[in-house]
Protein backbone atom coordinates (compact mmCIF):
# COMPACT_ATOMS: atom_id res chain seq x y z
CA MET A 1 -65.69 -23.98 -251.69
CA MET A 2 -67.51 -21.85 -249.51
CA ASN A 3 -67.78 -18.41 -249.35
CA ALA A 4 -67.31 -15.88 -246.27
CA THR A 5 -70.80 -15.14 -246.09
CA GLN A 6 -72.32 -18.88 -245.81
CA LEU A 7 -69.05 -19.59 -243.43
CA GLN A 8 -70.35 -16.88 -241.16
CA ALA A 9 -73.72 -18.50 -241.12
CA HIS A 10 -72.51 -22.10 -240.22
CA LEU A 11 -70.44 -20.65 -237.61
CA ARG A 12 -73.41 -18.86 -236.03
CA GLU A 13 -75.34 -22.15 -236.22
CA THR A 14 -72.46 -24.01 -234.05
CA GLN A 15 -72.64 -20.89 -231.70
CA CYS A 16 -76.22 -21.17 -230.83
CA ILE A 17 -75.83 -24.91 -230.50
CA MET A 18 -72.96 -24.83 -228.29
CA THR A 19 -74.43 -21.97 -226.17
CA GLU A 20 -78.12 -24.32 -225.67
CA SER A 21 -75.48 -26.83 -224.87
CA ILE A 22 -73.83 -25.33 -222.37
CA MET A 23 -77.53 -23.64 -220.93
CA SER A 24 -78.33 -26.89 -220.49
CA LYS A 25 -75.70 -28.00 -218.39
CA ALA A 26 -75.85 -25.09 -216.54
CA ALA A 27 -79.16 -25.36 -215.89
CA THR A 28 -78.85 -29.09 -214.05
CA MET A 29 -75.78 -28.45 -212.44
CA GLU A 30 -74.60 -29.83 -209.50
CA ILE A 31 -72.92 -27.32 -206.96
CA PRO A 32 -70.83 -29.70 -204.55
CA ILE A 33 -70.33 -27.89 -201.00
CA ASN A 34 -67.74 -29.17 -198.54
CA SER A 35 -68.22 -29.73 -194.77
CA ASN A 36 -66.78 -25.91 -194.58
CA GLY A 37 -69.02 -24.32 -196.95
CA ASP A 38 -66.61 -23.81 -199.59
CA THR A 39 -67.63 -24.72 -203.48
CA GLY A 40 -66.06 -27.55 -204.65
CA THR A 41 -64.24 -27.83 -208.07
CA LEU A 42 -67.11 -27.96 -210.68
CA PRO A 43 -66.77 -30.87 -213.34
CA GLU A 44 -68.08 -28.98 -216.14
CA ASP A 45 -65.70 -25.61 -215.58
CA ASP A 46 -63.43 -27.65 -218.23
CA GLY A 47 -66.13 -28.01 -220.64
CA LEU A 48 -66.73 -24.26 -220.38
CA GLU A 49 -63.02 -23.37 -220.59
CA GLN A 50 -62.82 -25.86 -223.64
CA ALA A 51 -65.79 -24.12 -225.46
CA ALA A 52 -64.70 -20.47 -224.72
CA LYS A 53 -61.26 -21.27 -226.02
CA MET A 54 -62.83 -23.07 -229.17
CA GLN A 55 -65.12 -20.30 -229.71
CA TRP A 56 -62.12 -17.84 -229.10
CA SER A 57 -60.52 -19.37 -232.27
CA LEU A 58 -63.11 -19.56 -234.62
CA ASP A 59 -63.66 -15.55 -233.97
CA GLU A 60 -60.22 -15.26 -234.83
CA LYS A 61 -60.81 -16.90 -237.84
CA VAL A 62 -63.84 -15.90 -238.92
CA GLY A 63 -63.87 -11.91 -237.13
CA SER A 64 -67.55 -12.41 -235.91
CA SER A 65 -67.75 -9.65 -232.99
CA ARG A 66 -70.99 -10.24 -231.95
CA GLY A 67 -70.50 -14.25 -231.80
CA THR A 68 -67.77 -13.60 -229.43
CA ARG A 69 -69.62 -10.67 -227.19
CA ASP A 70 -72.75 -13.49 -226.58
CA LEU A 71 -70.47 -16.18 -225.70
CA GLN A 72 -68.23 -13.74 -223.56
CA GLN A 73 -71.34 -12.80 -221.81
CA VAL A 74 -72.39 -16.07 -221.24
CA MET A 75 -68.94 -17.02 -219.59
CA VAL A 76 -68.67 -13.88 -217.57
CA SER A 77 -72.01 -13.46 -215.71
CA GLY A 78 -73.41 -17.00 -216.25
CA PRO A 79 -76.40 -18.01 -217.73
CA ASN A 80 -79.60 -16.51 -216.36
CA LEU A 81 -80.83 -18.50 -213.53
CA ASN A 82 -84.04 -16.69 -213.41
CA GLU A 83 -85.10 -19.56 -215.62
CA THR A 84 -83.50 -22.40 -214.01
CA SER A 85 -83.27 -24.80 -210.71
CA ILE A 86 -80.62 -25.99 -208.92
CA VAL A 87 -80.97 -29.75 -208.52
CA SER A 88 -79.81 -30.91 -205.23
CA GLY A 89 -79.63 -34.53 -206.21
CA GLY A 90 -77.67 -34.51 -209.62
CA TYR A 91 -79.04 -35.36 -212.77
CA GLY A 92 -81.25 -38.32 -211.80
CA GLY A 93 -82.46 -36.61 -208.72
CA THR A 94 -86.44 -36.31 -208.47
CA ALA A 95 -88.74 -33.27 -208.66
CA GLU A 96 -88.62 -33.19 -204.73
CA GLY A 97 -85.23 -31.72 -204.59
CA ILE A 98 -85.31 -29.18 -206.84
CA ILE A 99 -85.18 -25.56 -205.41
CA PRO A 100 -86.53 -22.82 -207.75
CA THR A 101 -84.09 -20.12 -207.88
CA SER A 102 -86.14 -17.26 -209.50
CA SER A 103 -85.25 -15.17 -206.93
CA ILE A 104 -81.46 -15.33 -207.01
CA LYS A 105 -79.58 -13.28 -209.11
CA GLY A 106 -75.78 -12.85 -209.99
CA PRO A 107 -73.31 -15.38 -211.15
CA ALA A 108 -73.95 -19.38 -211.17
CA VAL A 109 -71.70 -20.05 -208.32
CA HIS A 110 -71.19 -17.42 -205.84
CA PHE A 111 -68.75 -17.43 -203.26
CA ASN A 112 -69.98 -17.03 -199.74
CA VAL A 113 -67.11 -15.94 -197.05
CA LYS A 114 -69.63 -17.07 -193.99
CA TYR A 115 -69.39 -20.66 -195.09
CA LYS A 116 -65.72 -20.31 -194.13
CA GLN A 117 -66.48 -20.59 -190.44
CA ARG A 118 -66.73 -24.15 -189.50
CA ILE A 119 -70.56 -25.51 -188.08
CA PRO A 120 -70.61 -26.64 -184.70
CA VAL A 121 -71.83 -30.51 -184.92
CA THR A 122 -74.07 -31.08 -181.71
CA GLY A 123 -74.43 -35.06 -181.62
CA LEU A 124 -73.53 -37.62 -178.86
CA GLY A 125 -70.19 -36.43 -178.33
CA SER A 126 -71.17 -33.14 -177.31
CA ASN A 127 -74.20 -34.88 -174.97
CA MET A 128 -71.64 -37.16 -173.61
CA HIS A 129 -68.99 -34.54 -172.66
CA HIS A 130 -72.11 -32.46 -170.98
CA SER A 131 -73.63 -34.85 -169.28
CA SER A 132 -69.75 -35.75 -167.78
CA SER A 133 -69.40 -32.30 -166.99
CA SER A 134 -72.52 -32.06 -164.94
CA SER A 135 -71.88 -35.37 -163.39
CA SER A 136 -68.68 -33.62 -162.38
CA MET A 137 -70.13 -30.20 -161.29
CA THR A 138 -72.69 -32.25 -159.22
CA ALA A 139 -70.08 -34.63 -157.66
CA GLU A 140 -67.88 -31.40 -156.82
CA GLU A 141 -70.98 -29.53 -155.22
CA THR A 142 -71.95 -32.93 -152.93
CA THR A 143 -68.38 -32.80 -151.91
CA ARG A 144 -68.47 -29.32 -150.97
CA GLY A 145 -71.76 -29.48 -149.29
CA VAL A 146 -70.69 -32.42 -147.26
CA ALA A 147 -67.02 -30.36 -146.24
CA VAL A 148 -69.24 -27.67 -145.09
CA GLU A 149 -71.63 -29.59 -143.22
CA LYS A 150 -68.90 -31.42 -141.25
CA LEU A 151 -67.09 -27.87 -140.75
CA GLU A 152 -70.42 -26.26 -139.15
CA SER A 153 -71.05 -29.20 -136.87
CA LEU A 154 -67.28 -29.10 -135.83
CA ARG A 155 -67.69 -25.64 -135.31
CA THR A 156 -71.11 -26.20 -133.29
CA TRP A 157 -69.33 -28.77 -131.17
CA GLY A 158 -66.48 -26.52 -130.26
CA LEU A 159 -68.68 -23.77 -129.61
CA ASN A 160 -70.69 -26.35 -127.22
CA THR A 161 -67.86 -27.51 -125.59
CA TYR A 162 -66.54 -24.04 -124.71
CA LYS A 163 -69.75 -23.07 -123.20
CA CYS A 164 -69.82 -26.43 -120.97
CA THR A 165 -66.02 -25.92 -119.96
CA LYS A 166 -66.61 -22.31 -118.90
CA GLN A 167 -70.17 -23.71 -116.86
CA MET A 168 -67.88 -26.38 -115.38
CA ILE A 169 -65.34 -24.50 -114.43
CA SER A 170 -67.41 -21.64 -112.91
CA GLU A 171 -69.46 -24.09 -110.79
CA ARG A 172 -66.61 -25.74 -109.49
CA PHE A 173 -65.26 -21.99 -108.46
CA GLY A 174 -68.62 -21.06 -106.84
CA ARG A 175 -68.41 -18.64 -108.79
CA GLY A 176 -71.62 -20.43 -111.18
CA SER A 177 -75.37 -21.29 -110.44
CA ARG A 178 -76.60 -24.84 -111.33
CA THR A 179 -80.24 -26.44 -111.68
CA VAL A 180 -80.38 -29.22 -108.88
CA ASP A 181 -83.49 -31.19 -108.46
CA LEU A 182 -83.12 -32.22 -105.20
CA GLU A 183 -85.16 -35.10 -104.91
CA LEU A 184 -83.94 -36.56 -108.22
CA GLU A 185 -80.61 -36.05 -106.77
CA ALA A 186 -81.06 -38.19 -103.93
CA GLN A 187 -82.47 -40.78 -105.86
CA ILE A 188 -79.37 -40.95 -107.85
CA GLU A 189 -77.00 -40.83 -105.11
CA VAL A 190 -79.11 -43.85 -103.66
CA LEU A 191 -78.99 -45.81 -106.66
CA ARG A 192 -74.88 -45.27 -106.96
CA ASP A 193 -74.47 -46.48 -103.44
CA THR A 194 -76.65 -49.47 -103.91
CA LYS A 195 -74.58 -50.39 -106.73
CA ARG A 196 -71.41 -50.22 -105.20
CA LYS A 197 -72.49 -52.52 -102.28
CA TYR A 198 -74.40 -54.85 -104.58
CA GLU A 199 -70.83 -55.19 -106.67
CA ASN A 200 -69.17 -56.00 -103.68
CA VAL A 201 -72.29 -58.82 -102.56
CA LEU A 202 -71.11 -60.20 -106.52
CA ARG A 203 -67.62 -59.78 -105.90
CA LEU A 204 -68.05 -62.13 -102.54
CA ALA A 205 -70.83 -64.83 -103.98
CA ARG A 206 -67.74 -65.26 -107.15
CA ALA A 207 -65.41 -66.13 -104.31
CA LEU A 208 -67.59 -68.36 -102.70
CA THR A 209 -68.59 -70.08 -106.20
CA ASN A 210 -64.64 -70.51 -107.09
CA HIS A 211 -63.78 -71.89 -103.60
CA PHE A 212 -66.64 -74.14 -103.20
CA TYR A 213 -65.97 -75.11 -107.09
CA ASN A 214 -62.50 -76.07 -105.70
CA MET A 215 -64.09 -77.84 -102.30
CA VAL A 216 -66.64 -80.11 -104.66
CA GLN A 217 -63.52 -81.27 -106.52
CA THR A 218 -61.27 -82.03 -103.64
CA GLN A 219 -64.44 -84.19 -102.74
CA HIS A 220 -64.25 -85.86 -106.02
CA ALA A 221 -60.60 -86.66 -106.26
CA LEU A 222 -61.18 -88.01 -102.19
CA GLY A 223 -63.94 -89.84 -103.04
CA ASP A 224 -62.15 -91.81 -105.83
CA THR A 225 -59.18 -92.43 -103.86
CA PHE A 226 -61.11 -93.96 -101.19
CA ALA A 227 -62.70 -96.31 -103.81
CA ASP A 228 -59.61 -97.49 -105.32
CA LEU A 229 -58.05 -98.27 -101.35
CA SER A 230 -61.23 -99.75 -100.97
CA GLN A 231 -60.62 -102.64 -103.77
CA LYS A 232 -56.80 -102.24 -104.52
CA SER A 233 -55.24 -102.24 -101.48
CA PRO A 234 -52.00 -104.62 -101.40
CA GLU A 235 -51.45 -104.59 -97.75
CA LEU A 236 -54.71 -105.36 -96.17
CA ARG A 237 -55.00 -108.73 -98.62
CA ASP A 238 -54.04 -110.73 -95.78
CA SER A 239 -54.55 -108.76 -92.41
CA LEU A 240 -57.28 -109.78 -89.97
CA THR A 241 -59.06 -106.33 -91.03
CA CYS A 242 -58.90 -106.11 -94.36
CA SER A 243 -62.77 -106.52 -94.69
CA SER A 244 -63.60 -103.94 -91.90
CA LEU A 245 -60.95 -101.46 -93.93
CA GLN A 246 -62.25 -102.09 -96.84
CA ASP A 247 -66.25 -101.14 -96.17
CA GLU A 248 -64.57 -97.68 -94.24
CA PHE A 249 -63.05 -97.14 -96.94
CA GLY A 250 -66.04 -97.96 -99.49
CA TYR A 251 -68.39 -96.05 -96.93
CA ASN A 252 -66.00 -92.68 -96.80
CA ALA A 253 -65.96 -92.68 -100.74
CA GLU A 254 -69.68 -93.22 -100.70
CA THR A 255 -70.05 -90.33 -98.60
CA GLN A 256 -67.76 -87.97 -100.36
CA LYS A 257 -69.38 -88.64 -103.58
CA LEU A 258 -72.92 -87.60 -102.16
CA LEU A 259 -71.46 -84.73 -101.18
CA CYS A 260 -70.05 -84.00 -103.74
CA LYS A 261 -73.08 -84.58 -106.15
CA ASN A 262 -75.12 -82.37 -103.32
CA GLY A 263 -72.08 -79.93 -103.78
CA GLU A 264 -72.72 -79.95 -107.39
CA THR A 265 -76.45 -78.97 -107.37
CA LEU A 266 -75.44 -76.22 -104.59
CA LEU A 267 -73.01 -74.84 -107.12
CA GLY A 268 -75.86 -74.74 -109.55
CA ALA A 269 -78.04 -72.61 -107.08
CA ILE A 270 -75.14 -70.17 -106.22
CA ASN A 271 -73.94 -69.70 -110.10
CA PHE A 272 -77.91 -69.07 -111.01
CA PHE A 273 -77.83 -66.29 -108.22
CA VAL A 274 -74.26 -64.39 -109.42
CA PHE A 275 -75.62 -64.73 -112.81
CA SER A 276 -78.93 -63.05 -111.72
CA ILE A 277 -76.96 -60.08 -109.75
CA ASN A 278 -74.51 -59.64 -112.66
CA THR A 279 -77.22 -58.79 -114.90
CA LEU A 280 -78.89 -56.47 -112.54
CA VAL A 281 -75.53 -54.40 -111.50
CA ASN A 282 -73.80 -54.65 -114.96
CA LYS A 283 -77.00 -54.17 -116.79
CA THR A 284 -79.87 -53.22 -115.37
CA MET A 285 -78.37 -50.59 -113.46
CA GLU A 286 -76.10 -49.49 -115.75
CA ASP A 287 -78.07 -48.55 -118.36
CA THR A 288 -80.00 -46.22 -115.85
CA LEU A 289 -76.69 -45.23 -115.03
CA MET A 290 -75.97 -44.21 -118.19
CA THR A 291 -79.27 -42.55 -118.94
CA ILE A 292 -78.14 -40.29 -115.61
CA LYS A 293 -74.84 -39.34 -117.29
CA MET A 294 -76.74 -38.02 -120.18
CA TYR A 295 -79.24 -36.25 -118.55
CA GLU A 296 -76.10 -34.35 -116.31
CA ASN A 297 -74.87 -33.66 -119.69
CA ALA A 298 -78.07 -31.91 -120.75
CA ARG A 299 -77.91 -30.08 -117.66
CA LEU A 300 -74.76 -28.86 -117.90
CA GLU A 301 -75.43 -27.70 -121.60
CA PHE A 302 -79.12 -26.43 -120.22
CA ASP A 303 -76.86 -24.13 -117.69
CA ALA A 304 -74.53 -23.15 -120.21
CA TYR A 305 -76.55 -21.75 -122.38
CA ARG A 306 -78.74 -19.87 -119.47
CA SER A 307 -75.79 -18.39 -118.48
CA ASP A 308 -75.02 -17.10 -121.87
CA LEU A 309 -78.47 -15.71 -122.67
CA GLU A 310 -78.41 -13.91 -118.81
CA GLU A 311 -74.88 -12.52 -119.64
CA LEU A 312 -76.57 -11.17 -123.40
CA SER A 313 -79.64 -9.99 -121.51
CA LEU A 314 -77.27 -7.87 -119.12
CA GLY A 315 -75.51 -6.01 -121.93
CA PRO A 316 -76.34 -3.27 -124.94
CA ARG A 317 -79.76 -3.40 -126.93
CA ASP A 318 -78.70 -2.31 -130.60
CA ALA A 319 -79.42 -4.78 -133.44
CA ALA A 320 -76.37 -6.66 -133.35
CA ALA A 321 -77.05 -7.79 -129.72
CA MET A 322 -80.17 -8.17 -130.20
CA THR A 323 -79.94 -10.51 -132.95
CA ARG A 324 -77.55 -12.53 -130.53
CA ILE A 325 -79.99 -12.79 -127.41
CA ASP A 326 -82.67 -14.06 -130.34
CA SER A 327 -79.99 -16.95 -130.90
CA ALA A 328 -79.36 -17.61 -127.62
CA GLN A 329 -82.56 -17.43 -126.42
CA GLN A 330 -83.51 -20.01 -129.15
CA GLN A 331 -80.65 -22.27 -128.26
CA TYR A 332 -81.77 -21.99 -124.78
CA GLN A 333 -85.06 -23.40 -125.47
CA LEU A 334 -83.76 -26.38 -127.64
CA HIS A 335 -81.73 -27.64 -124.63
CA LYS A 336 -84.06 -26.79 -121.93
CA GLU A 337 -86.47 -29.22 -123.71
CA LYS A 338 -83.76 -31.37 -123.63
CA TYR A 339 -82.59 -31.34 -119.95
CA GLU A 340 -86.71 -31.66 -118.88
CA ARG A 341 -86.90 -34.72 -121.60
CA LEU A 342 -84.12 -36.30 -119.68
CA ARG A 343 -84.87 -35.89 -116.50
CA SER A 344 -88.24 -36.94 -117.12
CA ASP A 345 -86.77 -40.50 -118.40
CA VAL A 346 -84.08 -40.75 -115.47
CA THR A 347 -87.10 -40.66 -113.21
CA ILE A 348 -88.90 -43.45 -115.32
CA LYS A 349 -86.27 -45.44 -115.16
CA LEU A 350 -85.35 -45.13 -111.59
CA LYS A 351 -89.04 -46.01 -110.76
CA PHE A 352 -89.03 -49.37 -112.70
CA LEU A 353 -85.33 -50.23 -111.66
CA GLU A 354 -86.66 -49.91 -108.11
CA GLU A 355 -89.42 -52.49 -108.50
CA ASN A 356 -87.35 -54.82 -110.65
CA LYS A 357 -84.54 -54.83 -108.08
CA VAL A 358 -86.92 -55.70 -105.37
CA LYS A 359 -88.36 -58.67 -107.32
CA VAL A 360 -84.95 -59.96 -108.24
CA MET A 361 -83.64 -59.92 -105.08
CA HIS A 362 -86.38 -61.02 -102.82
CA LYS A 363 -86.33 -64.06 -105.52
CA GLN A 364 -82.66 -64.86 -105.45
CA LEU A 365 -81.98 -63.89 -101.56
CA LEU A 366 -84.56 -66.84 -100.92
CA LEU A 367 -82.91 -69.05 -103.48
CA PHE A 368 -79.56 -68.10 -101.87
CA HIS A 369 -80.97 -69.16 -98.43
CA ASN A 370 -82.78 -72.32 -99.32
CA ALA A 371 -80.13 -73.82 -101.07
CA ILE A 372 -77.18 -73.01 -98.59
CA SER A 373 -79.34 -74.52 -95.83
CA ALA A 374 -80.66 -77.97 -97.64
CA TYR A 375 -76.88 -78.35 -98.44
CA PHE A 376 -75.58 -78.09 -94.87
CA ALA A 377 -78.68 -79.80 -93.27
CA GLY A 378 -77.81 -82.59 -95.58
CA ASN A 379 -81.12 -82.43 -96.92
CA GLN A 380 -80.62 -83.81 -100.48
CA GLN A 381 -84.79 -83.66 -100.96
CA GLN A 382 -84.87 -80.04 -99.90
CA LEU A 383 -82.32 -79.27 -102.40
CA GLU A 384 -83.44 -80.48 -105.06
CA GLN A 385 -86.61 -79.32 -104.51
CA THR A 386 -85.64 -75.77 -104.34
CA LEU A 387 -83.87 -75.85 -107.71
CA LYS A 388 -86.99 -76.95 -109.21
CA GLN A 389 -88.91 -74.30 -107.33
CA PHE A 390 -86.48 -71.56 -109.37
CA ASN A 391 -86.42 -73.80 -112.34
CA ILE A 392 -82.59 -74.17 -112.22
CA LYS A 393 -81.33 -76.86 -114.55
CA LEU A 394 -78.10 -78.09 -114.09
CA ARG A 395 -75.51 -78.77 -116.38
CA PRO A 396 -74.20 -82.31 -116.73
CA PRO A 397 -70.72 -83.24 -116.09
CA GLY A 398 -68.44 -82.04 -119.01
CA ALA A 399 -70.51 -80.02 -120.31
CA ASP A 400 -68.33 -76.88 -119.56
CA LYS A 401 -65.38 -78.44 -121.80
CA PRO A 402 -65.34 -77.68 -125.41
CA SER A 403 -66.03 -80.08 -127.75
CA TRP A 404 -63.68 -81.92 -130.15
CA LEU A 405 -64.65 -79.18 -133.14
CA GLU A 406 -63.77 -76.37 -130.69
CA GLU A 407 -60.59 -78.11 -129.73
CA GLN A 408 -59.28 -78.17 -133.48
């Protein structure tokens, strides 16, 4: 058996070996940290506790106070990290993952309260949320801008309508002044009177076309009846005058057919006359009258803002009044330019309309006269020559009827 001295020496050697083993494990110990920054449970803690228990039991048997103090110092204050390194990659980590800890002092595992705070993770979801919020804000701003623009346009329209209505009522009751261009107003009145007269000519020409078309259709039916009687009359078979009556029916049938053909030719000329007058009245003149209407509205707006500026000019001259006067002056200039521009447009259109009207009416009146004269004179050759002179092509019979596809 060993004596007390040998047993104590053996226990010291065992203590040194265990201490070196614990130091080596602590030197390469990996400290896991969860997502919140809290330290996890170290697997080496159990080994340390078991070693401490074993050492304490040995100390109780032997009573070595020095070994107990050394082991307790290691357990309480931890290994000296000034001479160790923390390997982030585990026991098999490379040298790149070693972090020198010469400046770290204190226990091996130190709890940091700040790690309890959750670290915000910025990634795709955050970017998507940011872009979605940005797009929603952009759409909201766009909608708001459109609404503001509509409200502003509505306000401008209401103010303009109020001023124009006030000016129109003032002019009607003789209390307001209006801008008058006597020469232009006279030309406009002549145009309106001419349009009314041409509309009457157009209405009568259409009535003549309808009546003459009915007459031609009647002549066509009468010619067919005469032709049928000249061939299939049963009461003329045994009569002595059968041949002479049949000839008379045939002559009349041919006459009606010739009149029907000439009537269709005249109808072509009258239809061309009606079409040209309709284009002149309802398109060319109407376009000029639309421009005149715009000119009259611009004139009314110009007079309304002119009257507004005159009223403000007669009032006080404080800062607020001067601001309103400057704004009214700008509006006055804008409407003055618009009024002058439209007046120039009306003058030019009236000039070209007069030239166009003279050319069109001269041609159409000549066509109408020659066609009517040739028809009632029975001059078929002259009637056809008139249509060729004015490049009028007659439609073949049945051209006005819808096709079988349109009927379906």
